[in-house]
């Protein structure tokens, strides 16, 4: 039976009664992210309530699960209390990994909705600590991008500069490029530039085609590009196979580690292995100390 992970109503909590679960570096207050949050809270108020969980050691006190920068911004602006989401357990993973990351397309849609409702680019800029021109650029982010490619990248950590590269391609190639980036989980500018370089001339928009004619001799041949695409497709299939088996493999590792941990906690067994099977003992110890699968670092 499932249960709600938080109370359905926000609660106003004194900021002095909220204890952060981590300390912030002094330099964080000069970071772009913090300055944007500070500007947003100052201009339009707090949009997303911090998430807290009751402190088991102090009555009417809370531990801060998510919203450390927002709380710091409120302190700097002189606030003494804040409406909070009250969680029922101390899960910090979901908030930090599954909720609070706006993709470029989502950021674009938010700005479009605000402007369509009559909010000026200047006010949005003040709220996000951006120049009005930057706001207008984000408003036009998907101009020239086909709907299918935009949908593929709608929730992906794809930088806005990627869309400038996609606009140099025709729709069918935009979709292929988006699928390649999604399959490889690689949304870097260099990867998108490589895809553009491997794009045949007939799949480029006219404007970019004219500008690229002078550099055609410097580009690899069409055969090289075709081979590169085949290699990328094969690599994508290999990654998909690893992705499909990763979950079960991690589960097996967890069970095996637990089992070996129990064996190695017995001194008599360890002594016997040290005398009779030292190679096995070394391998058992390595496995029991593993925190991740051996290939995970190579794939990150």
C-alpha atoms as a PDB file:
ATOM      1  CA  UNK A   1       0.000   0.000   0.000  1.00  0.00           C
ATOM      2  CA  UNK A   2       1.406   3.378  -0.997  1.00  0.00           C
ATOM      3  CA  UNK A   3       1.253   6.510   1.112  1.00  0.00           C
ATOM      4  CA  UNK A   4       1.860  10.181   0.442  1.00  0.00           C
ATOM      5  CA  UNK A   5       5.465  11.300   0.920  1.00  0.00           C
ATOM      6  CA  UNK A   6       4.388  14.729   2.187  1.00  0.00           C
ATOM      7  CA  UNK A   7       1.473  16.550   3.811  1.00  0.00           C
ATOM      8  CA  UNK A   8      -1.012  18.042   1.371  1.00  0.00           C
ATOM      9  CA  UNK A   9      -0.933  21.524   2.934  1.00  0.00           C
ATOM     10  CA  UNK A  10       2.102  23.781   3.300  1.00  0.00           C
ATOM     11  CA  UNK A  11       3.004  24.901   6.821  1.00  0.00           C
ATOM     12  CA  UNK A  12       4.499  28.251   7.783  1.00  0.00           C
ATOM     13  CA  UNK A  13       7.740  27.568   9.652  1.00  0.00           C
ATOM     14  CA  UNK A  14      10.097  30.061  11.367  1.00  0.00           C
ATOM     15  CA  UNK A  15      13.380  30.045   9.453  1.00  0.00           C
ATOM     16  CA  UNK A  16      15.234  29.898  12.780  1.00  0.00           C
ATOM     17  CA  UNK A  17      13.597  26.490  13.383  1.00  0.00           C
ATOM     18  CA  UNK A  18      14.948  25.012  10.131  1.00  0.00           C
ATOM     19  CA  UNK A  19      18.280  23.169  10.281  1.00  0.00           C
ATOM     20  CA  UNK A  20      20.102  22.628   6.940  1.00  0.00           C
ATOM     21  CA  UNK A  21      21.357  19.112   6.263  1.00  0.00           C
ATOM     22  CA  UNK A  22      24.450  20.469   4.537  1.00  0.00           C
ATOM     23  CA  UNK A  23      26.618  23.556   4.844  1.00  0.00           C
ATOM     24  CA  UNK A  24      27.066  25.895   1.893  1.00  0.00           C
ATOM     25  CA  UNK A  25      30.451  27.097   0.706  1.00  0.00           C
ATOM     26  CA  UNK A  26      31.040  30.847   1.212  1.00  0.00           C
ATOM     27  CA  UNK A  27      31.560  31.269  -2.538  1.00  0.00           C
ATOM     28  CA  UNK A  28      28.069  29.984  -3.325  1.00  0.00           C
ATOM     29  CA  UNK A  29      26.545  33.424  -2.753  1.00  0.00           C
ATOM     30  CA  UNK A  30      28.495  34.803  -5.689  1.00  0.00           C
ATOM     31  CA  UNK A  31      27.381  31.981  -8.002  1.00  0.00           C
ATOM     32  CA  UNK A  32      25.019  32.622 -10.922  1.00  0.00           C
ATOM     33  CA  UNK A  33      22.463  30.147  -9.569  1.00  0.00           C
ATOM     34  CA  UNK A  34      22.231  31.850  -6.180  1.00  0.00           C
ATOM     35  CA  UNK A  35      22.019  35.325  -7.716  1.00  0.00           C
ATOM     36  CA  UNK A  36      19.166  34.143  -9.954  1.00  0.00           C
ATOM     37  CA  UNK A  37      17.303  32.686  -6.977  1.00  0.00           C
ATOM     38  CA  UNK A  38      17.873  35.860  -4.958  1.00  0.00           C
ATOM     39  CA  UNK A  39      16.599  38.044  -7.816  1.00  0.00           C
ATOM     40  CA  UNK A  40      13.558  35.804  -8.343  1.00  0.00           C
ATOM     41  CA  UNK A  41      12.555  35.781  -4.672  1.00  0.00           C
ATOM     42  CA  UNK A  42      13.039  39.539  -4.453  1.00  0.00           C
ATOM     43  CA  UNK A  43      10.972  40.270  -7.577  1.00  0.00           C
ATOM     44  CA  UNK A  44       8.073  37.777  -7.410  1.00  0.00           C
ATOM     45  CA  UNK A  45       8.436  36.032  -4.056  1.00  0.00           C
ATOM     46  CA  UNK A  46       9.122  32.379  -3.333  1.00  0.00           C
ATOM     47  CA  UNK A  47       7.606  30.146  -6.030  1.00  0.00           C
ATOM     48  CA  UNK A  48       8.688  26.674  -4.904  1.00  0.00           C
ATOM     49  CA  UNK A  49       8.372  25.974  -1.158  1.00  0.00           C
ATOM     50  CA  UNK A  50      11.364  24.336   0.558  1.00  0.00           C
ATOM     51  CA  UNK A  51      10.886  20.731   1.672  1.00  0.00           C
ATOM     52  CA  UNK A  52      11.455  19.901   5.343  1.00  0.00           C
ATOM     53  CA  UNK A  53      10.982  16.917   7.628  1.00  0.00           C
ATOM     54  CA  UNK A  54      10.257  17.104  11.379  1.00  0.00           C
ATOM     55  CA  UNK A  55      13.415  16.967  13.509  1.00  0.00           C
ATOM     56  CA  UNK A  56      13.092  13.847  15.696  1.00  0.00           C
ATOM     57  CA  UNK A  57      15.289  15.459  18.373  1.00  0.00           C
ATOM     58  CA  UNK A  58      13.558  18.858  18.644  1.00  0.00           C
ATOM     59  CA  UNK A  59       9.861  19.503  18.827  1.00  0.00           C
ATOM     60  CA  UNK A  60       8.551  22.060  16.299  1.00  0.00           C
ATOM     61  CA  UNK A  61      11.925  22.106  14.575  1.00  0.00           C
ATOM     62  CA  UNK A  62      12.635  20.792  11.083  1.00  0.00           C
ATOM     63  CA  UNK A  63      15.472  19.433   8.938  1.00  0.00           C
ATOM     64  CA  UNK A  64      15.851  21.015   5.499  1.00  0.00           C
ATOM     65  CA  UNK A  65      15.669  18.420   2.711  1.00  0.00           C
ATOM     66  CA  UNK A  66      15.544  20.713  -0.302  1.00  0.00           C
ATOM     67  CA  UNK A  67      15.820  24.472  -0.786  1.00  0.00           C
ATOM     68  CA  UNK A  68      19.094  25.461   0.869  1.00  0.00           C
ATOM     69  CA  UNK A  69      19.731  28.342  -1.541  1.00  0.00           C
ATOM     70  CA  UNK A  70      16.133  29.538  -1.266  1.00  0.00           C
ATOM     71  CA  UNK A  71      16.402  29.646   2.521  1.00  0.00           C
ATOM     72  CA  UNK A  72      19.672  31.600   2.293  1.00  0.00           C
ATOM     73  CA  UNK A  73      18.050  34.050  -0.118  1.00  0.00           C
ATOM     74  CA  UNK A  74      15.127  34.557   2.268  1.00  0.00           C
ATOM     75  CA  UNK A  75      17.564  35.199   5.130  1.00  0.00           C
ATOM     76  CA  UNK A  76      19.454  37.769   3.052  1.00  0.00           C
ATOM     77  CA  UNK A  77      16.159  39.486   2.219  1.00  0.00           C
ATOM     78  CA  UNK A  78      15.188  39.666   5.892  1.00  0.00           C
ATOM     79  CA  UNK A  79      12.418  37.044   5.958  1.00  0.00           C
ATOM     80  CA  UNK A  80      11.782  35.302   9.273  1.00  0.00           C
ATOM     81  CA  UNK A  81       9.388  32.530   8.196  1.00  0.00           C
ATOM     82  CA  UNK A  82       8.552  30.526   5.080  1.00  0.00           C
ATOM     83  CA  UNK A  83       5.805  28.196   3.832  1.00  0.00           C
ATOM     84  CA  UNK A  84       7.260  24.679   3.610  1.00  0.00           C
ATOM     85  CA  UNK A  85       6.315  21.285   2.217  1.00  0.00           C
ATOM     86  CA  UNK A  86       6.319  18.882   5.172  1.00  0.00           C
ATOM     87  CA  UNK A  87       7.748  15.524   4.119  1.00  0.00           C
ATOM     88  CA  UNK A  88       6.939  12.310   5.942  1.00  0.00           C
ATOM     89  CA  UNK A  89      10.428  10.813   5.551  1.00  0.00           C
ATOM     90  CA  UNK A  90      13.959  12.138   5.123  1.00  0.00           C
ATOM     91  CA  UNK A  91      14.314  11.410   1.401  1.00  0.00           C
ATOM     92  CA  UNK A  92      16.551  14.039  -0.219  1.00  0.00           C
ATOM     93  CA  UNK A  93      17.222  12.119  -3.454  1.00  0.00           C
ATOM     94  CA  UNK A  94      13.859  12.721  -5.148  1.00  0.00           C
ATOM     95  CA  UNK A  95      13.912  16.479  -4.664  1.00  0.00           C
ATOM     96  CA  UNK A  96      17.463  16.953  -5.876  1.00  0.00           C
ATOM     97  CA  UNK A  97      17.520  14.471  -8.759  1.00  0.00           C
ATOM     98  CA  UNK A  98      13.970  14.111 -10.033  1.00  0.00           C
ATOM     99  CA  UNK A  99      12.164  17.398  -9.520  1.00  0.00           C
ATOM    100  CA  UNK A 100      14.211  20.564  -9.538  1.00  0.00           C
ATOM    101  CA  UNK A 101      16.021  20.452 -12.866  1.00  0.00           C
ATOM    102  CA  UNK A 102      14.457  22.627 -15.579  1.00  0.00           C
ATOM    103  CA  UNK A 103      15.490  21.606 -19.090  1.00  0.00           C
ATOM    104  CA  UNK A 104      16.061  24.307 -21.720  1.00  0.00           C
ATOM    105  CA  UNK A 105      12.758  23.478 -23.451  1.00  0.00           C
ATOM    106  CA  UNK A 106      10.873  23.669 -20.148  1.00  0.00           C
ATOM    107  CA  UNK A 107      12.561  26.996 -19.407  1.00  0.00           C
ATOM    108  CA  UNK A 108      11.461  28.217 -22.852  1.00  0.00           C
ATOM    109  CA  UNK A 109       7.849  27.148 -22.257  1.00  0.00           C
ATOM    110  CA  UNK A 110       7.808  28.903 -18.885  1.00  0.00           C
ATOM    111  CA  UNK A 111       8.991  32.155 -20.474  1.00  0.00           C
ATOM    112  CA  UNK A 112       6.506  31.803 -23.359  1.00  0.00           C
ATOM    113  CA  UNK A 113       3.630  31.311 -20.914  1.00  0.00           C
ATOM    114  CA  UNK A 114       4.696  34.338 -18.877  1.00  0.00           C
ATOM    115  CA  UNK A 115       5.024  36.621 -21.912  1.00  0.00           C
ATOM    116  CA  UNK A 116       1.682  35.428 -23.330  1.00  0.00           C
ATOM    117  CA  UNK A 117       0.092  36.434 -20.028  1.00  0.00           C
ATOM    118  CA  UNK A 118       1.447  39.941 -20.383  1.00  0.00           C
ATOM    119  CA  UNK A 119       4.617  39.791 -18.280  1.00  0.00           C
ATOM    120  CA  UNK A 120       7.329  41.920 -19.874  1.00  0.00           C
ATOM    121  CA  UNK A 121      10.761  40.573 -20.796  1.00  0.00           C
ATOM    122  CA  UNK A 122      12.252  43.191 -18.485  1.00  0.00           C
ATOM    123  CA  UNK A 123      10.361  41.900 -15.443  1.00  0.00           C
ATOM    124  CA  UNK A 124      11.161  38.273 -16.286  1.00  0.00           C
ATOM    125  CA  UNK A 125      14.802  39.322 -16.600  1.00  0.00           C
ATOM    126  CA  UNK A 126      14.750  40.921 -13.156  1.00  0.00           C
ATOM    127  CA  UNK A 127      13.145  37.788 -11.689  1.00  0.00           C
ATOM    128  CA  UNK A 128      15.714  35.460 -13.272  1.00  0.00           C
ATOM    129  CA  UNK A 129      18.693  37.842 -13.081  1.00  0.00           C
ATOM    130  CA  UNK A 130      18.936  37.832 -16.887  1.00  0.00           C
ATOM    131  CA  UNK A 131      19.118  40.599 -19.447  1.00  0.00           C
ATOM    132  CA  UNK A 132      15.907  41.284 -21.422  1.00  0.00           C
ATOM    133  CA  UNK A 133      17.721  40.238 -24.615  1.00  0.00           C
ATOM    134  CA  UNK A 134      18.602  36.855 -23.074  1.00  0.00           C
ATOM    135  CA  UNK A 135      14.947  36.407 -22.115  1.00  0.00           C
ATOM    136  CA  UNK A 136      13.907  37.149 -25.708  1.00  0.00           C
ATOM    137  CA  UNK A 137      16.472  34.645 -27.004  1.00  0.00           C
ATOM    138  CA  UNK A 138      15.025  31.962 -24.750  1.00  0.00           C
ATOM    139  CA  UNK A 139      11.543  32.962 -25.925  1.00  0.00           C
ATOM    140  CA  UNK A 140      12.653  32.233 -29.515  1.00  0.00           C
ATOM    141  CA  UNK A 141      14.545  29.057 -28.555  1.00  0.00           C
ATOM    142  CA  UNK A 142      12.396  26.654 -30.600  1.00  0.00           C
ATOM    143  CA  UNK A 143      11.949  28.850 -33.676  1.00  0.00           C
ATOM    144  CA  UNK A 144      13.082  26.635 -36.559  1.00  0.00           C
ATOM    145  CA  UNK A 145      13.011  23.434 -34.471  1.00  0.00           C
ATOM    146  CA  UNK A 146      10.539  20.751 -35.559  1.00  0.00           C
ATOM    147  CA  UNK A 147       7.991  19.575 -32.988  1.00  0.00           C
ATOM    148  CA  UNK A 148       9.299  15.979 -32.923  1.00  0.00           C
ATOM    149  CA  UNK A 149      12.876  17.002 -32.079  1.00  0.00           C
ATOM    150  CA  UNK A 150      11.631  19.474 -29.468  1.00  0.00           C
ATOM    151  CA  UNK A 151       9.540  16.740 -27.853  1.00  0.00           C
ATOM    152  CA  UNK A 152      12.509  14.340 -27.673  1.00  0.00           C
ATOM    153  CA  UNK A 153      14.624  16.987 -25.923  1.00  0.00           C
ATOM    154  CA  UNK A 154      11.799  18.484 -23.860  1.00  0.00           C
ATOM    155  CA  UNK A 155      12.948  17.006 -20.543  1.00  0.00           C
ATOM    156  CA  UNK A 156      16.627  16.414 -21.322  1.00  0.00           C
ATOM    157  CA  UNK A 157      19.595  18.338 -19.817  1.00  0.00           C
ATOM    158  CA  UNK A 158      20.255  19.924 -23.189  1.00  0.00           C
ATOM    159  CA  UNK A 159      22.004  23.346 -23.250  1.00  0.00           C
ATOM    160  CA  UNK A 160      20.293  26.132 -25.179  1.00  0.00           C
ATOM    161  CA  UNK A 161      23.278  26.398 -27.552  1.00  0.00           C
ATOM    162  CA  UNK A 162      22.441  22.933 -28.909  1.00  0.00           C
ATOM    163  CA  UNK A 163      19.293  24.312 -30.521  1.00  0.00           C
ATOM    164  CA  UNK A 164      21.338  26.851 -32.494  1.00  0.00           C
ATOM    165  CA  UNK A 165      23.145  23.903 -34.061  1.00  0.00           C
ATOM    166  CA  UNK A 166      19.920  21.978 -34.714  1.00  0.00           C
ATOM    167  CA  UNK A 167      18.470  24.987 -36.539  1.00  0.00           C
ATOM    168  CA  UNK A 168      21.155  24.519 -39.200  1.00  0.00           C
ATOM    169  CA  UNK A 169      19.614  21.132 -40.078  1.00  0.00           C
ATOM    170  CA  UNK A 170      16.384  20.206 -41.802  1.00  0.00           C
ATOM    171  CA  UNK A 171      13.584  18.627 -39.770  1.00  0.00           C
ATOM    172  CA  UNK A 172      14.347  14.964 -40.497  1.00  0.00           C
ATOM    173  CA  UNK A 173      18.001  15.462 -39.518  1.00  0.00           C
ATOM    174  CA  UNK A 174      16.979  17.371 -36.374  1.00  0.00           C
ATOM    175  CA  UNK A 175      15.004  14.308 -35.282  1.00  0.00           C
ATOM    176  CA  UNK A 176      17.938  11.992 -36.048  1.00  0.00           C
ATOM    177  CA  UNK A 177      20.320  14.263 -34.133  1.00  0.00           C
ATOM    178  CA  UNK A 178      17.979  14.439 -31.134  1.00  0.00           C
ATOM    179  CA  UNK A 179      17.648  10.639 -31.122  1.00  0.00           C
ATOM    180  CA  UNK A 180      21.436  10.246 -31.323  1.00  0.00           C
ATOM    181  CA  UNK A 181      21.969  12.577 -28.361  1.00  0.00           C
ATOM    182  CA  UNK A 182      19.235  10.830 -26.389  1.00  0.00           C
ATOM    183  CA  UNK A 183      20.609   7.382 -27.198  1.00  0.00           C
ATOM    184  CA  UNK A 184      24.144   8.352 -26.199  1.00  0.00           C
ATOM    185  CA  UNK A 185      22.947  10.502 -23.292  1.00  0.00           C
ATOM    186  CA  UNK A 186      25.406  13.041 -24.582  1.00  0.00           C
ATOM    187  CA  UNK A 187      24.078  16.587 -24.879  1.00  0.00           C
ATOM    188  CA  UNK A 188      27.420  18.344 -25.152  1.00  0.00           C
ATOM    189  CA  UNK A 189      28.127  21.090 -27.661  1.00  0.00           C
ATOM    190  CA  UNK A 190      31.034  19.126 -29.132  1.00  0.00           C
ATOM    191  CA  UNK A 191      28.840  16.083 -29.799  1.00  0.00           C
ATOM    192  CA  UNK A 192      26.147  18.204 -31.476  1.00  0.00           C
ATOM    193  CA  UNK A 193      28.831  19.907 -33.579  1.00  0.00           C
ATOM    194  CA  UNK A 194      30.139  16.488 -34.647  1.00  0.00           C
ATOM    195  CA  UNK A 195      26.622  15.475 -35.709  1.00  0.00           C
ATOM    196  CA  UNK A 196      26.329  18.691 -37.722  1.00  0.00           C
ATOM    197  CA  UNK A 197      29.683  18.021 -39.385  1.00  0.00           C
ATOM    198  CA  UNK A 198      28.526  14.521 -40.354  1.00  0.00           C
ATOM    199  CA  UNK A 199      25.272  15.811 -41.860  1.00  0.00           C
ATOM    200  CA  UNK A 200      25.022  15.552 -45.632  1.00  0.00           C
ATOM    201  CA  UNK A 201      24.524  18.801 -47.520  1.00  0.00           C
ATOM    202  CA  UNK A 202      20.985  17.957 -48.624  1.00  0.00           C
ATOM    203  CA  UNK A 203      19.921  17.773 -44.954  1.00  0.00           C
ATOM    204  CA  UNK A 204      21.208  21.275 -44.142  1.00  0.00           C
ATOM    205  CA  UNK A 205      19.105  24.418 -44.367  1.00  0.00           C
ATOM    206  CA  UNK A 206      19.919  26.658 -47.339  1.00  0.00           C
ATOM    207  CA  UNK A 207      21.554  29.452 -45.330  1.00  0.00           C
ATOM    208  CA  UNK A 208      24.002  27.154 -43.573  1.00  0.00           C
ATOM    209  CA  UNK A 209      24.589  25.196 -46.781  1.00  0.00           C
ATOM    210  CA  UNK A 210      25.857  28.337 -48.531  1.00  0.00           C
ATOM    211  CA  UNK A 211      28.178  29.249 -45.665  1.00  0.00           C
ATOM    212  CA  UNK A 212      29.578  25.723 -45.399  1.00  0.00           C
ATOM    213  CA  UNK A 213      30.506  25.303 -49.073  1.00  0.00           C
ATOM    214  CA  UNK A 214      33.885  26.983 -48.531  1.00  0.00           C
ATOM    215  CA  UNK A 215      34.774  24.479 -45.810  1.00  0.00           C
ATOM    216  CA  UNK A 216      33.491  21.377 -47.616  1.00  0.00           C
ATOM    217  CA  UNK A 217      37.022  20.365 -48.607  1.00  0.00           C
ATOM    218  CA  UNK A 218      38.098  20.317 -44.959  1.00  0.00           C
ATOM    219  CA  UNK A 219      35.243  17.996 -43.953  1.00  0.00           C
ATOM    220  CA  UNK A 220      35.625  14.209 -43.973  1.00  0.00           C
ATOM    221  CA  UNK A 221      34.282  12.326 -46.978  1.00  0.00           C
ATOM    222  CA  UNK A 222      30.709  11.037 -47.110  1.00  0.00           C
ATOM    223  CA  UNK A 223      32.050   7.484 -46.672  1.00  0.00           C
ATOM    224  CA  UNK A 224      33.793   8.518 -43.451  1.00  0.00           C
ATOM    225  CA  UNK A 225      30.623  10.156 -42.198  1.00  0.00           C
ATOM    226  CA  UNK A 226      28.556   7.081 -43.019  1.00  0.00           C
ATOM    227  CA  UNK A 227      31.049   4.914 -41.131  1.00  0.00           C
ATOM    228  CA  UNK A 228      30.899   7.311 -38.167  1.00  0.00           C
ATOM    229  CA  UNK A 229      27.106   7.077 -38.080  1.00  0.00           C
ATOM    230  CA  UNK A 230      27.260   3.266 -38.196  1.00  0.00           C
ATOM    231  CA  UNK A 231      29.732   3.266 -35.308  1.00  0.00           C
ATOM    232  CA  UNK A 232      27.519   5.638 -33.327  1.00  0.00           C
ATOM    233  CA  UNK A 233      24.510   3.390 -33.924  1.00  0.00           C
ATOM    234  CA  UNK A 234      26.469   0.331 -32.789  1.00  0.00           C
ATOM    235  CA  UNK A 235      27.677   2.178 -29.684  1.00  0.00           C
ATOM    236  CA  UNK A 236      24.110   3.231 -28.949  1.00  0.00           C
ATOM    237  CA  UNK A 237      23.001  -0.423 -29.086  1.00  0.00           C
ATOM    238  CA  UNK A 238      25.812  -1.432 -26.726  1.00  0.00           C
ATOM    239  CA  UNK A 239      24.850   1.301 -24.265  1.00  0.00           C
ATOM    240  CA  UNK A 240      21.220   0.196 -24.414  1.00  0.00           C
ATOM    241  CA  UNK A 241      22.240  -3.383 -23.596  1.00  0.00           C
ATOM    242  CA  UNK A 242      24.287  -2.172 -20.611  1.00  0.00           C
ATOM    243  CA  UNK A 243      21.406   0.028 -19.481  1.00  0.00           C
ATOM    244  CA  UNK A 244      18.964  -2.909 -19.618  1.00  0.00           C
ATOM    245  CA  UNK A 245      21.224  -5.151 -17.523  1.00  0.00           C
ATOM    246  CA  UNK A 246      22.495  -2.497 -15.106  1.00  0.00           C
ATOM    247  CA  UNK A 247      19.576  -2.677 -12.650  1.00  0.00           C
ATOM    248  CA  UNK A 248      19.681  -6.471 -12.189  1.00  0.00           C
ATOM    249  CA  UNK A 249      23.492  -6.382 -12.001  1.00  0.00           C
ATOM    250  CA  UNK A 250      23.402  -3.790  -9.197  1.00  0.00           C
ATOM    251  CA  UNK A 251      20.814  -5.886  -7.342  1.00  0.00           C
ATOM    252  CA  UNK A 252      23.016  -8.972  -7.660  1.00  0.00           C
ATOM    253  CA  UNK A 253      26.033  -7.001  -6.440  1.00  0.00           C
ATOM    254  CA  UNK A 254      24.095  -5.758  -3.404  1.00  0.00           C
ATOM    255  CA  UNK A 255      22.956  -9.271  -2.459  1.00  0.00           C
ATOM    256  CA  UNK A 256      26.431 -10.754  -3.009  1.00  0.00           C
ATOM    257  CA  UNK A 257      28.112  -7.987  -0.984  1.00  0.00           C
ATOM    258  CA  UNK A 258      25.744  -8.597   1.895  1.00  0.00           C
ATOM    259  CA  UNK A 259      26.342 -12.343   1.770  1.00  0.00           C
ATOM    260  CA  UNK A 260      30.133 -12.012   1.564  1.00  0.00           C
ATOM    261  CA  UNK A 261      30.084  -9.412   4.336  1.00  0.00           C
ATOM    262  CA  UNK A 262      28.472 -12.004   6.605  1.00  0.00           C
ATOM    263  CA  UNK A 263      31.064 -14.618   5.657  1.00  0.00           C
ATOM    264  CA  UNK A 264      34.021 -12.269   6.153  1.00  0.00           C
ATOM    265  CA  UNK A 265      32.744 -11.209   9.562  1.00  0.00           C
ATOM    266  CA  UNK A 266      33.495 -14.722  10.807  1.00  0.00           C
ATOM    267  CA  UNK A 267      37.133 -14.863  11.937  1.00  0.00           C
ATOM    268  CA  UNK A 268      37.441 -18.646  11.590  1.00  0.00           C
ATOM    269  CA  UNK A 269      36.290 -18.562   7.957  1.00  0.00           C
ATOM    270  CA  UNK A 270      38.679 -15.702   7.146  1.00  0.00           C
ATOM    271  CA  UNK A 271      41.583 -17.583   8.771  1.00  0.00           C
ATOM    272  CA  UNK A 272      40.747 -20.737   6.802  1.00  0.00           C
ATOM    273  CA  UNK A 273      40.548 -18.823   3.525  1.00  0.00           C
ATOM    274  CA  UNK A 274      43.832 -17.023   4.281  1.00  0.00           C
ATOM    275  CA  UNK A 275      45.598 -20.356   4.780  1.00  0.00           C
ATOM    276  CA  UNK A 276      43.929 -22.451   2.076  1.00  0.00           C
ATOM    277  CA  UNK A 277      42.453 -20.093  -0.553  1.00  0.00           C
ATOM    278  CA  UNK A 278      44.187 -16.685  -0.300  1.00  0.00           C
ATOM    279  CA  UNK A 279      43.223 -15.760  -3.877  1.00  0.00           C
ATOM    280  CA  UNK A 280      39.550 -16.318  -3.095  1.00  0.00           C
ATOM    281  CA  UNK A 281      39.869 -14.240   0.076  1.00  0.00           C
ATOM    282  CA  UNK A 282      41.363 -11.300  -1.827  1.00  0.00           C
ATOM    283  CA  UNK A 283      38.578 -11.403  -4.410  1.00  0.00           C
ATOM    284  CA  UNK A 284      35.883 -11.725  -1.739  1.00  0.00           C
ATOM    285  CA  UNK A 285      37.322  -8.703   0.064  1.00  0.00           C
ATOM    286  CA  UNK A 286      37.389  -6.682  -3.163  1.00  0.00           C
ATOM    287  CA  UNK A 287      33.752  -7.515  -3.906  1.00  0.00           C
ATOM    288  CA  UNK A 288      32.619  -6.741  -0.357  1.00  0.00           C
ATOM    289  CA  UNK A 289      34.235  -3.287  -0.613  1.00  0.00           C
ATOM    290  CA  UNK A 290      32.740  -2.422  -4.016  1.00  0.00           C
ATOM    291  CA  UNK A 291      30.258   0.467  -4.037  1.00  0.00           C
ATOM    292  CA  UNK A 292      29.517   0.404  -7.775  1.00  0.00           C
ATOM    293  CA  UNK A 293      29.893  -1.827 -10.803  1.00  0.00           C
ATOM    294  CA  UNK A 294      33.425  -1.851 -12.276  1.00  0.00           C
ATOM    295  CA  UNK A 295      32.385  -0.370 -15.640  1.00  0.00           C
ATOM    296  CA  UNK A 296      30.320   2.515 -14.225  1.00  0.00           C
ATOM    297  CA  UNK A 297      33.238   4.944 -13.955  1.00  0.00           C
ATOM    298  CA  UNK A 298      34.201   4.330 -17.554  1.00  0.00           C
ATOM    299  CA  UNK A 299      30.707   5.132 -18.765  1.00  0.00           C
ATOM    300  CA  UNK A 300      30.264   8.346 -16.745  1.00  0.00           C
END
